[in-house]
């Protein structure tokens, strides 16, 4: 997550596009990102609010 500087190895798998709304891509690895536990807790249940930002993060990593 932008602004997160956690060095914790305690991470969680997170769906970029919510699996409830996009069940057809819930197992697509391109729809996943790892987040530290605090960032995952911040985004969990509010995935729609973070889609654009997380897609940008993944695109930046691919560059």
PDB file of N, CA and C in Angstrom:
ATOM      1  N   UNK A   1       0.848  -1.178   0.000  1.00  0.00           N
ATOM      2  CA  UNK A   1       0.000   0.000   0.000  1.00  0.00           C
ATOM      3  C   UNK A   1       0.884   1.229   0.000  1.00  0.00           C
ATOM      4  N   UNK A   2       0.565   2.190  -0.824  1.00  0.00           N
ATOM      5  CA  UNK A   2       1.321   3.442  -0.778  1.00  0.00           C
ATOM      6  C   UNK A   2       1.272   4.032   0.635  1.00  0.00           C
ATOM      7  N   UNK A   3       2.417   4.461   1.104  1.00  0.00           N
ATOM      8  CA  UNK A   3       2.500   5.056   2.429  1.00  0.00           C
ATOM      9  C   UNK A   3       2.752   4.058   3.545  1.00  0.00           C
ATOM     10  N   UNK A   4       2.754   2.778   3.231  1.00  0.00           N
ATOM     11  CA  UNK A   4       3.013   1.760   4.241  1.00  0.00           C
ATOM     12  C   UNK A   4       4.492   1.381   4.181  1.00  0.00           C
ATOM     13  N   UNK A   5       5.123   1.446   5.312  1.00  0.00           N
ATOM     14  CA  UNK A   5       6.532   1.088   5.369  1.00  0.00           C
ATOM     15  C   UNK A   5       6.772  -0.054   6.346  1.00  0.00           C
ATOM     16  N   UNK A   6       5.764  -0.877   6.521  1.00  0.00           N
ATOM     17  CA  UNK A   6       5.859  -2.008   7.440  1.00  0.00           C
ATOM     18  C   UNK A   6       6.964  -2.954   6.973  1.00  0.00           C
ATOM     19  N   UNK A   7       7.723  -3.427   7.915  1.00  0.00           N
ATOM     20  CA  UNK A   7       8.765  -4.409   7.629  1.00  0.00           C
ATOM     21  C   UNK A   7       8.339  -5.803   8.098  1.00  0.00           C
ATOM     22  N   UNK A   8       7.099  -5.908   8.513  1.00  0.00           N
ATOM     23  CA  UNK A   8       6.576  -7.164   9.052  1.00  0.00           C
ATOM     24  C   UNK A   8       6.525  -8.242   7.975  1.00  0.00           C
ATOM     25  N   UNK A   9       6.798  -9.452   8.383  1.00  0.00           N
ATOM     26  CA  UNK A   9       6.662 -10.598   7.485  1.00  0.00           C
ATOM     27  C   UNK A   9       5.292 -11.239   7.645  1.00  0.00           C
ATOM     28  N   UNK A  10       4.469 -10.659   8.488  1.00  0.00           N
ATOM     29  CA  UNK A  10       3.111 -11.132   8.722  1.00  0.00           C
ATOM     30  C   UNK A  10       2.216 -10.492   7.651  1.00  0.00           C
ATOM     31  N   UNK A  11       1.984 -11.224   6.564  1.00  0.00           N
ATOM     32  CA  UNK A  11       1.258 -10.679   5.426  1.00  0.00           C
ATOM     33  C   UNK A  11      -0.007 -11.487   5.145  1.00  0.00           C
ATOM     34  N   UNK A  12      -0.872 -10.901   4.325  1.00  0.00           N
ATOM     35  CA  UNK A  12      -2.127 -11.556   3.959  1.00  0.00           C
ATOM     36  C   UNK A  12      -2.347 -11.426   2.458  1.00  0.00           C
ATOM     37  N   UNK A  13      -2.924 -12.457   1.881  1.00  0.00           N
ATOM     38  CA  UNK A  13      -3.315 -12.399   0.469  1.00  0.00           C
ATOM     39  C   UNK A  13      -4.591 -11.569   0.369  1.00  0.00           C
ATOM     40  N   UNK A  14      -4.665 -10.731  -0.639  1.00  0.00           N
ATOM     41  CA  UNK A  14      -5.807  -9.823  -0.787  1.00  0.00           C
ATOM     42  C   UNK A  14      -6.275  -9.827  -2.233  1.00  0.00           C
ATOM     43  N   UNK A  15      -7.593  -9.894  -2.432  1.00  0.00           N
ATOM     44  CA  UNK A  15      -8.169  -9.773  -3.774  1.00  0.00           C
ATOM     45  C   UNK A  15      -8.229  -8.293  -4.144  1.00  0.00           C
ATOM     46  N   UNK A  16      -7.737  -7.955  -5.317  1.00  0.00           N
ATOM     47  CA  UNK A  16      -7.816  -6.571  -5.786  1.00  0.00           C
ATOM     48  C   UNK A  16      -9.270  -6.248  -6.137  1.00  0.00           C
ATOM     49  N   UNK A  17      -9.864  -7.096  -6.989  1.00  0.00           N
ATOM     50  CA  UNK A  17     -11.284  -6.962  -7.309  1.00  0.00           C
ATOM     51  C   UNK A  17     -12.033  -7.918  -6.389  1.00  0.00           C
ATOM     52  N   UNK A  18     -13.014  -7.421  -5.649  1.00  0.00           N
ATOM     53  CA  UNK A  18     -13.704  -8.245  -4.649  1.00  0.00           C
ATOM     54  C   UNK A  18     -14.283  -9.522  -5.238  1.00  0.00           C
ATOM     55  N   UNK A  19     -14.052 -10.633  -4.560  1.00  0.00           N
ATOM     56  CA  UNK A  19     -14.510 -11.926  -5.073  1.00  0.00           C
ATOM     57  C   UNK A  19     -16.022 -12.044  -5.085  1.00  0.00           C
ATOM     58  N   UNK A  20     -16.710 -11.329  -4.215  1.00  0.00           N
ATOM     59  CA  UNK A  20     -18.179 -11.363  -4.237  1.00  0.00           C
ATOM     60  C   UNK A  20     -18.729 -10.754  -5.511  1.00  0.00           C
ATOM     61  N   UNK A  21     -18.121  -9.685  -5.979  1.00  0.00           N
ATOM     62  CA  UNK A  21     -18.593  -8.996  -7.178  1.00  0.00           C
ATOM     63  C   UNK A  21     -17.995  -9.584  -8.457  1.00  0.00           C
ATOM     64  N   UNK A  22     -16.816 -10.182  -8.360  1.00  0.00           N
ATOM     65  CA  UNK A  22     -16.111 -10.727  -9.516  1.00  0.00           C
ATOM     66  C   UNK A  22     -15.704 -12.174  -9.259  1.00  0.00           C
ATOM     67  N   UNK A  23     -16.669 -13.076  -9.033  1.00  0.00           N
ATOM     68  CA  UNK A  23     -16.316 -14.464  -8.700  1.00  0.00           C
ATOM     69  C   UNK A  23     -15.549 -15.177  -9.809  1.00  0.00           C
ATOM     70  N   UNK A  24     -15.708 -14.726 -11.037  1.00  0.00           N
ATOM     71  CA  UNK A  24     -15.024 -15.378 -12.162  1.00  0.00           C
ATOM     72  C   UNK A  24     -13.517 -15.182 -12.136  1.00  0.00           C
ATOM     73  N   UNK A  25     -13.026 -14.208 -11.396  1.00  0.00           N
ATOM     74  CA  UNK A  25     -11.571 -13.989 -11.334  1.00  0.00           C
ATOM     75  C   UNK A  25     -11.021 -14.172  -9.927  1.00  0.00           C
ATOM     76  N   UNK A  26     -11.796 -14.771  -9.033  1.00  0.00           N
ATOM     77  CA  UNK A  26     -11.334 -14.899  -7.652  1.00  0.00           C
ATOM     78  C   UNK A  26     -10.082 -15.756  -7.506  1.00  0.00           C
ATOM     79  N   UNK A  27      -9.844 -16.678  -8.447  1.00  0.00           N
ATOM     80  CA  UNK A  27      -8.656 -17.527  -8.358  1.00  0.00           C
ATOM     81  C   UNK A  27      -7.551 -17.106  -9.331  1.00  0.00           C
ATOM     82  N   UNK A  28      -7.744 -16.006 -10.017  1.00  0.00           N
ATOM     83  CA  UNK A  28      -6.756 -15.478 -10.953  1.00  0.00           C
ATOM     84  C   UNK A  28      -5.646 -14.797 -10.149  1.00  0.00           C
ATOM     85  N   UNK A  29      -4.418 -15.244 -10.319  1.00  0.00           N
ATOM     86  CA  UNK A  29      -3.319 -14.670  -9.536  1.00  0.00           C
ATOM     87  C   UNK A  29      -3.099 -13.190  -9.861  1.00  0.00           C
ATOM     88  N   UNK A  30      -3.521 -12.735 -11.032  1.00  0.00           N
ATOM     89  CA  UNK A  30      -3.394 -11.319 -11.378  1.00  0.00           C
ATOM     90  C   UNK A  30      -4.367 -10.465 -10.557  1.00  0.00           C
ATOM     91  N   UNK A  31      -5.320 -11.098  -9.896  1.00  0.00           N
ATOM     92  CA  UNK A  31      -6.273 -10.388  -9.056  1.00  0.00           C
ATOM     93  C   UNK A  31      -5.837 -10.425  -7.587  1.00  0.00           C
ATOM     94  N   UNK A  32      -4.599 -10.718  -7.347  1.00  0.00           N
ATOM     95  CA  UNK A  32      -4.132 -10.817  -5.973  1.00  0.00           C
ATOM     96  C   UNK A  32      -2.936  -9.934  -5.697  1.00  0.00           C
ATOM     97  N   UNK A  33      -2.811  -9.566  -4.450  1.00  0.00           N
ATOM     98  CA  UNK A  33      -1.673  -8.781  -3.990  1.00  0.00           C
ATOM     99  C   UNK A  33      -1.472  -9.142  -2.509  1.00  0.00           C
ATOM    100  N   UNK A  34      -0.263  -9.066  -2.038  1.00  0.00           N
ATOM    101  CA  UNK A  34      -0.042  -9.298  -0.609  1.00  0.00           C
ATOM    102  C   UNK A  34       0.034  -7.954   0.096  1.00  0.00           C
ATOM    103  N   UNK A  35      -0.568  -7.910   1.259  1.00  0.00           N
ATOM    104  CA  UNK A  35      -0.560  -6.709   2.086  1.00  0.00           C
ATOM    105  C   UNK A  35      -0.144  -7.093   3.494  1.00  0.00           C
ATOM    106  N   UNK A  36       0.459  -6.146   4.209  1.00  0.00           N
ATOM    107  CA  UNK A  36       0.726  -6.405   5.617  1.00  0.00           C
ATOM    108  C   UNK A  36      -0.627  -6.516   6.323  1.00  0.00           C
ATOM    109  N   UNK A  37      -0.635  -7.145   7.473  1.00  0.00           N
ATOM    110  CA  UNK A  37      -1.901  -7.360   8.194  1.00  0.00           C
ATOM    111  C   UNK A  37      -2.666  -6.057   8.462  1.00  0.00           C
ATOM    112  N   UNK A  38      -2.015  -4.982   8.948  1.00  0.00           N
ATOM    113  CA  UNK A  38      -2.782  -3.751   9.183  1.00  0.00           C
ATOM    114  C   UNK A  38      -3.410  -3.175   7.907  1.00  0.00           C
ATOM    115  N   UNK A  39      -2.685  -3.223   6.788  1.00  0.00           N
ATOM    116  CA  UNK A  39      -3.250  -2.711   5.531  1.00  0.00           C
ATOM    117  C   UNK A  39      -4.378  -3.615   5.043  1.00  0.00           C
ATOM    118  N   UNK A  40      -4.227  -4.911   5.220  1.00  0.00           N
ATOM    119  CA  UNK A  40      -5.298  -5.829   4.822  1.00  0.00           C
ATOM    120  C   UNK A  40      -6.548  -5.566   5.651  1.00  0.00           C
ATOM    121  N   UNK A  41      -6.380  -5.349   6.939  1.00  0.00           N
ATOM    122  CA  UNK A  41      -7.530  -5.053   7.799  1.00  0.00           C
ATOM    123  C   UNK A  41      -8.197  -3.741   7.396  1.00  0.00           C
ATOM    124  N   UNK A  42      -7.402  -2.775   6.948  1.00  0.00           N
ATOM    125  CA  UNK A  42      -7.940  -1.482   6.513  1.00  0.00           C
ATOM    126  C   UNK A  42      -8.781  -1.626   5.237  1.00  0.00           C
ATOM    127  N   UNK A  43      -8.368  -2.507   4.346  1.00  0.00           N
ATOM    128  CA  UNK A  43      -9.045  -2.642   3.058  1.00  0.00           C
ATOM    129  C   UNK A  43     -10.140  -3.703   3.054  1.00  0.00           C
ATOM    130  N   UNK A  44     -10.061  -4.670   3.958  1.00  0.00           N
ATOM    131  CA  UNK A  44     -11.004  -5.789   3.959  1.00  0.00           C
ATOM    132  C   UNK A  44     -12.441  -5.294   4.129  1.00  0.00           C
ATOM    133  N   UNK A  45     -13.296  -5.737   3.226  1.00  0.00           N
ATOM    134  CA  UNK A  45     -14.698  -5.335   3.258  1.00  0.00           C
ATOM    135  C   UNK A  45     -14.957  -4.011   2.563  1.00  0.00           C
ATOM    136  N   UNK A  46     -13.891  -3.342   2.168  1.00  0.00           N
ATOM    137  CA  UNK A  46     -14.007  -2.057   1.469  1.00  0.00           C
ATOM    138  C   UNK A  46     -13.158  -2.079   0.203  1.00  0.00           C
ATOM    139  N   UNK A  47     -13.027  -3.274  -0.386  1.00  0.00           N
ATOM    140  CA  UNK A  47     -12.138  -3.475  -1.532  1.00  0.00           C
ATOM    141  C   UNK A  47     -12.418  -2.495  -2.671  1.00  0.00           C
ATOM    142  N   UNK A  48     -13.693  -2.222  -2.927  1.00  0.00           N
ATOM    143  CA  UNK A  48     -14.068  -1.350  -4.049  1.00  0.00           C
ATOM    144  C   UNK A  48     -13.407   0.027  -3.935  1.00  0.00           C
ATOM    145  N   UNK A  49     -13.175   0.490  -2.735  1.00  0.00           N
ATOM    146  CA  UNK A  49     -12.575   1.805  -2.532  1.00  0.00           C
ATOM    147  C   UNK A  49     -11.082   1.823  -2.862  1.00  0.00           C
ATOM    148  N   UNK A  50     -10.468   0.643  -2.962  1.00  0.00           N
ATOM    149  CA  UNK A  50      -9.024   0.562  -3.152  1.00  0.00           C
ATOM    150  C   UNK A  50      -8.612  -0.032  -4.500  1.00  0.00           C
ATOM    151  N   UNK A  51      -9.580  -0.424  -5.340  1.00  0.00           N
ATOM    152  CA  UNK A  51      -9.264  -1.104  -6.603  1.00  0.00           C
ATOM    153  C   UNK A  51      -8.301  -0.287  -7.449  1.00  0.00           C
ATOM    154  N   UNK A  52      -8.637   0.954  -7.734  1.00  0.00           N
ATOM    155  CA  UNK A  52      -7.805   1.783  -8.620  1.00  0.00           C
ATOM    156  C   UNK A  52      -6.381   1.907  -8.086  1.00  0.00           C
ATOM    157  N   UNK A  53      -6.247   2.161  -6.809  1.00  0.00           N
ATOM    158  CA  UNK A  53      -4.926   2.318  -6.214  1.00  0.00           C
ATOM    159  C   UNK A  53      -4.125   1.022  -6.296  1.00  0.00           C
ATOM    160  N   UNK A  54      -4.754  -0.111  -5.963  1.00  0.00           N
ATOM    161  CA  UNK A  54      -4.027  -1.383  -5.979  1.00  0.00           C
ATOM    162  C   UNK A  54      -3.654  -1.806  -7.394  1.00  0.00           C
ATOM    163  N   UNK A  55      -4.506  -1.524  -8.373  1.00  0.00           N
ATOM    164  CA  UNK A  55      -4.170  -1.817  -9.773  1.00  0.00           C
ATOM    165  C   UNK A  55      -2.950  -0.999 -10.170  1.00  0.00           C
ATOM    166  N   UNK A  56      -2.906   0.265  -9.758  1.00  0.00           N
ATOM    167  CA  UNK A  56      -1.747   1.109 -10.065  1.00  0.00           C
ATOM    168  C   UNK A  56      -0.474   0.563  -9.429  1.00  0.00           C
ATOM    169  N   UNK A  57      -0.582   0.080  -8.204  1.00  0.00           N
ATOM    170  CA  UNK A  57       0.582  -0.504  -7.515  1.00  0.00           C
ATOM    171  C   UNK A  57       1.106  -1.694  -8.301  1.00  0.00           C
ATOM    172  N   UNK A  58       0.227  -2.583  -8.719  1.00  0.00           N
ATOM    173  CA  UNK A  58       0.637  -3.775  -9.459  1.00  0.00           C
ATOM    174  C   UNK A  58       1.243  -3.374 -10.798  1.00  0.00           C
ATOM    175  N   UNK A  59       0.646  -2.417 -11.494  1.00  0.00           N
ATOM    176  CA  UNK A  59       1.186  -1.968 -12.783  1.00  0.00           C
ATOM    177  C   UNK A  59       2.570  -1.375 -12.604  1.00  0.00           C
ATOM    178  N   UNK A  60       2.790  -0.634 -11.548  1.00  0.00           N
ATOM    179  CA  UNK A  60       4.098  -0.026 -11.266  1.00  0.00           C
ATOM    180  C   UNK A  60       5.142  -1.112 -11.030  1.00  0.00           C
ATOM    181  N   UNK A  61       4.736  -2.182 -10.354  1.00  0.00           N
ATOM    182  CA  UNK A  61       5.669  -3.270 -10.084  1.00  0.00           C
ATOM    183  C   UNK A  61       6.049  -4.008 -11.358  1.00  0.00           C
ATOM    184  N   UNK A  62       5.146  -4.034 -12.340  1.00  0.00           N
ATOM    185  CA  UNK A  62       5.420  -4.726 -13.599  1.00  0.00           C
ATOM    186  C   UNK A  62       6.345  -3.927 -14.508  1.00  0.00           C
ATOM    187  N   UNK A  63       6.464  -2.616 -14.260  1.00  0.00           N
ATOM    188  CA  UNK A  63       7.299  -1.761 -15.123  1.00  0.00           C
ATOM    189  C   UNK A  63       8.770  -2.002 -14.917  1.00  0.00           C
TER     190      UNK A  63
END
